[in-house]
Amino acid sequence: MDEQTQPAELARRAMRAVEEGRREVWLAGFRTDAVLEDPVGHVPPRRGGEQIAAFWDTGIAALEDVRFDVRRAHAAPREVLMLVDVTVRAPGGATARYDAALHYVFDEHDAIVSLRAFWDLPDVVAQFAS
């Protein structure tokens, strides 16, 4: 893959791991000192493998289903901004749909150095509550 498409494919692999519930595959995609901000501005950044694993265990694992529909990818060498529509289903069937901008930065070994997810947490909480 060339430098312009490789980051988008790496991001898609990470999203597929989430969709498929493959915790260890998703976690293995991060560098040990990576930073995860999801959602940016609403929760403190998670730093390092233990905190990122805890994010999976409390956030992702609690959902019955997560789906990403990639609308657009803007790639640069070793980083990409993915514009996606996300659908999540909680236990009991409550669903939320929202758009997000996911900014991935990769190192020279294709490991995620930083993942910043921009989306509207209050809107998603309101969708689950209704």
Protein backbone atom coordinates (compact mmCIF):
# COMPACT_ATOMS: atom_id res chain seq x y z
CA MET A 1 0.00 0.00 0.00
CA ASP A 2 1.18 3.53 -0.60
CA GLU A 3 1.52 6.08 2.20
CA GLN A 4 -1.79 7.74 1.35
CA THR A 5 -3.94 4.61 1.61
CA GLN A 6 -2.17 2.67 4.31
CA PRO A 7 -3.40 4.73 7.31
CA ALA A 8 -7.03 4.43 6.15
CA GLU A 9 -6.71 0.65 5.84
CA LEU A 10 -5.12 0.42 9.29
CA ALA A 11 -8.00 2.45 10.75
CA ARG A 12 -10.53 0.22 8.99
CA ARG A 13 -8.85 -2.83 10.52
CA ALA A 14 -9.17 -1.30 13.99
CA MET A 15 -12.85 -0.54 13.38
CA ARG A 16 -13.47 -4.09 12.11
CA ALA A 17 -11.93 -5.48 15.29
CA VAL A 18 -14.43 -3.42 17.31
CA GLU A 19 -17.35 -4.53 15.12
CA GLU A 20 -16.31 -8.17 15.49
CA GLY A 21 -15.75 -7.92 19.26
CA ARG A 22 -12.09 -8.88 18.90
CA ARG A 23 -10.68 -7.22 22.02
CA GLU A 24 -7.14 -8.61 21.84
CA VAL A 25 -6.78 -7.77 18.14
CA TRP A 26 -7.94 -4.21 18.77
CA LEU A 27 -5.65 -3.75 21.76
CA ALA A 28 -2.67 -5.21 19.88
CA GLY A 29 -3.07 -2.43 17.33
CA PHE A 30 -2.00 0.21 19.89
CA ARG A 31 1.52 1.12 20.87
CA THR A 32 2.13 0.49 24.59
CA ASP A 33 2.28 4.24 25.29
CA ALA A 34 -0.65 5.19 23.05
CA VAL A 35 -3.23 7.82 23.96
CA LEU A 36 -6.98 7.31 23.41
CA GLU A 37 -9.43 10.22 23.64
CA ASP A 38 -12.99 8.99 23.11
CA PRO A 39 -14.97 11.22 23.06
CA VAL A 40 -12.64 14.20 22.96
CA GLY A 41 -13.60 16.85 25.50
CA HIS A 42 -16.01 14.68 27.48
CA VAL A 43 -13.71 12.24 29.27
CA PRO A 44 -10.03 12.36 30.24
CA PRO A 45 -7.54 10.82 27.80
CA ARG A 46 -6.60 7.20 28.46
CA ARG A 47 -2.87 6.58 28.37
CA GLY A 48 -1.18 3.23 27.90
CA GLY A 49 -2.34 -0.33 27.51
CA GLU A 50 -4.07 -0.77 30.87
CA GLN A 51 -6.25 2.32 30.51
CA ILE A 52 -7.07 1.55 26.88
CA ALA A 53 -8.01 -2.03 27.83
CA ALA A 54 -10.24 -0.62 30.61
CA PHE A 55 -11.94 1.57 27.98
CA TRP A 56 -12.78 -1.56 25.99
CA ASP A 57 -14.00 -3.40 29.08
CA THR A 58 -16.29 -0.61 30.28
CA GLY A 59 -17.32 1.04 27.01
CA ILE A 60 -17.15 -1.29 24.06
CA ALA A 61 -17.76 -4.64 25.77
CA ALA A 62 -20.96 -3.27 27.33
CA LEU A 63 -22.52 -2.88 23.88
CA GLU A 64 -24.29 -5.65 21.97
CA ASP A 65 -23.33 -4.25 18.59
CA VAL A 66 -21.15 -1.52 17.07
CA ARG A 67 -21.16 -0.65 13.36
CA PHE A 68 -19.05 1.88 11.46
CA ASP A 69 -20.06 3.18 8.06
CA VAL A 70 -17.06 5.03 6.64
CA ARG A 71 -18.22 8.03 4.64
CA ARG A 72 -14.82 9.49 3.89
CA ALA A 73 -11.15 9.12 4.74
CA HIS A 74 -8.61 11.94 4.60
CA ALA A 75 -5.15 10.38 4.77
CA ALA A 76 -1.65 11.75 5.16
CA PRO A 77 1.54 9.86 5.88
CA ARG A 78 1.01 7.94 9.13
CA GLU A 79 -2.33 9.53 9.99
CA VAL A 80 -5.91 9.61 8.82
CA LEU A 81 -9.16 11.35 9.66
CA MET A 82 -12.08 8.95 9.21
CA LEU A 83 -15.55 10.46 8.88
CA VAL A 84 -17.97 7.75 9.94
CA ASP A 85 -21.57 7.09 10.85
CA VAL A 86 -21.71 4.92 13.95
CA THR A 87 -24.58 2.73 15.13
CA VAL A 88 -24.45 1.17 18.58
CA ARG A 89 -26.92 -1.15 20.31
CA ALA A 90 -27.01 -1.55 24.07
CA PRO A 91 -28.30 -4.60 25.94
CA GLY A 92 -32.07 -4.62 25.70
CA GLY A 93 -32.05 -3.25 22.17
CA ALA A 94 -31.73 0.52 22.68
CA THR A 95 -29.81 2.03 19.79
CA ALA A 96 -28.02 5.27 19.02
CA ARG A 97 -26.81 6.59 15.70
CA TYR A 98 -24.30 9.40 15.36
CA ASP A 99 -21.60 10.80 13.13
CA ALA A 100 -18.00 10.92 14.27
CA ALA A 101 -14.59 12.08 13.17
CA LEU A 102 -11.90 9.58 14.17
CA HIS A 103 -8.31 10.82 13.97
CA TYR A 104 -5.70 8.05 13.97
CA VAL A 105 -1.93 8.58 14.16
CA PHE A 106 0.35 5.60 13.52
CA ASP A 107 4.04 4.99 14.15
CA GLU A 108 6.54 3.56 11.68
CA HIS A 109 5.48 0.03 12.68
CA ASP A 110 1.77 0.70 11.94
CA ALA A 111 0.82 0.80 15.63
CA ILE A 112 -1.70 3.38 16.82
CA VAL A 113 0.05 6.20 18.68
CA SER A 114 -3.06 8.33 19.12
CA LEU A 115 -6.77 7.89 18.51
CA ARG A 116 -9.00 10.93 19.01
CA ALA A 117 -12.74 10.40 18.52
CA PHE A 118 -14.92 13.47 18.10
CA TRP A 119 -18.66 12.89 18.63
CA ASP A 120 -21.52 14.30 20.67
CA LEU A 121 -21.76 12.31 23.92
CA PRO A 122 -24.83 14.16 25.30
CA ASP A 123 -26.75 13.42 22.08
CA VAL A 124 -25.91 9.71 22.25
CA VAL A 125 -26.91 9.53 25.94
CA ALA A 126 -30.21 11.23 25.07
CA GLN A 127 -30.85 8.70 22.29
CA PHE A 128 -30.37 5.81 24.71
CA ALA A 129 -32.64 7.47 27.27
CA SER A 130 -35.55 7.98 24.88
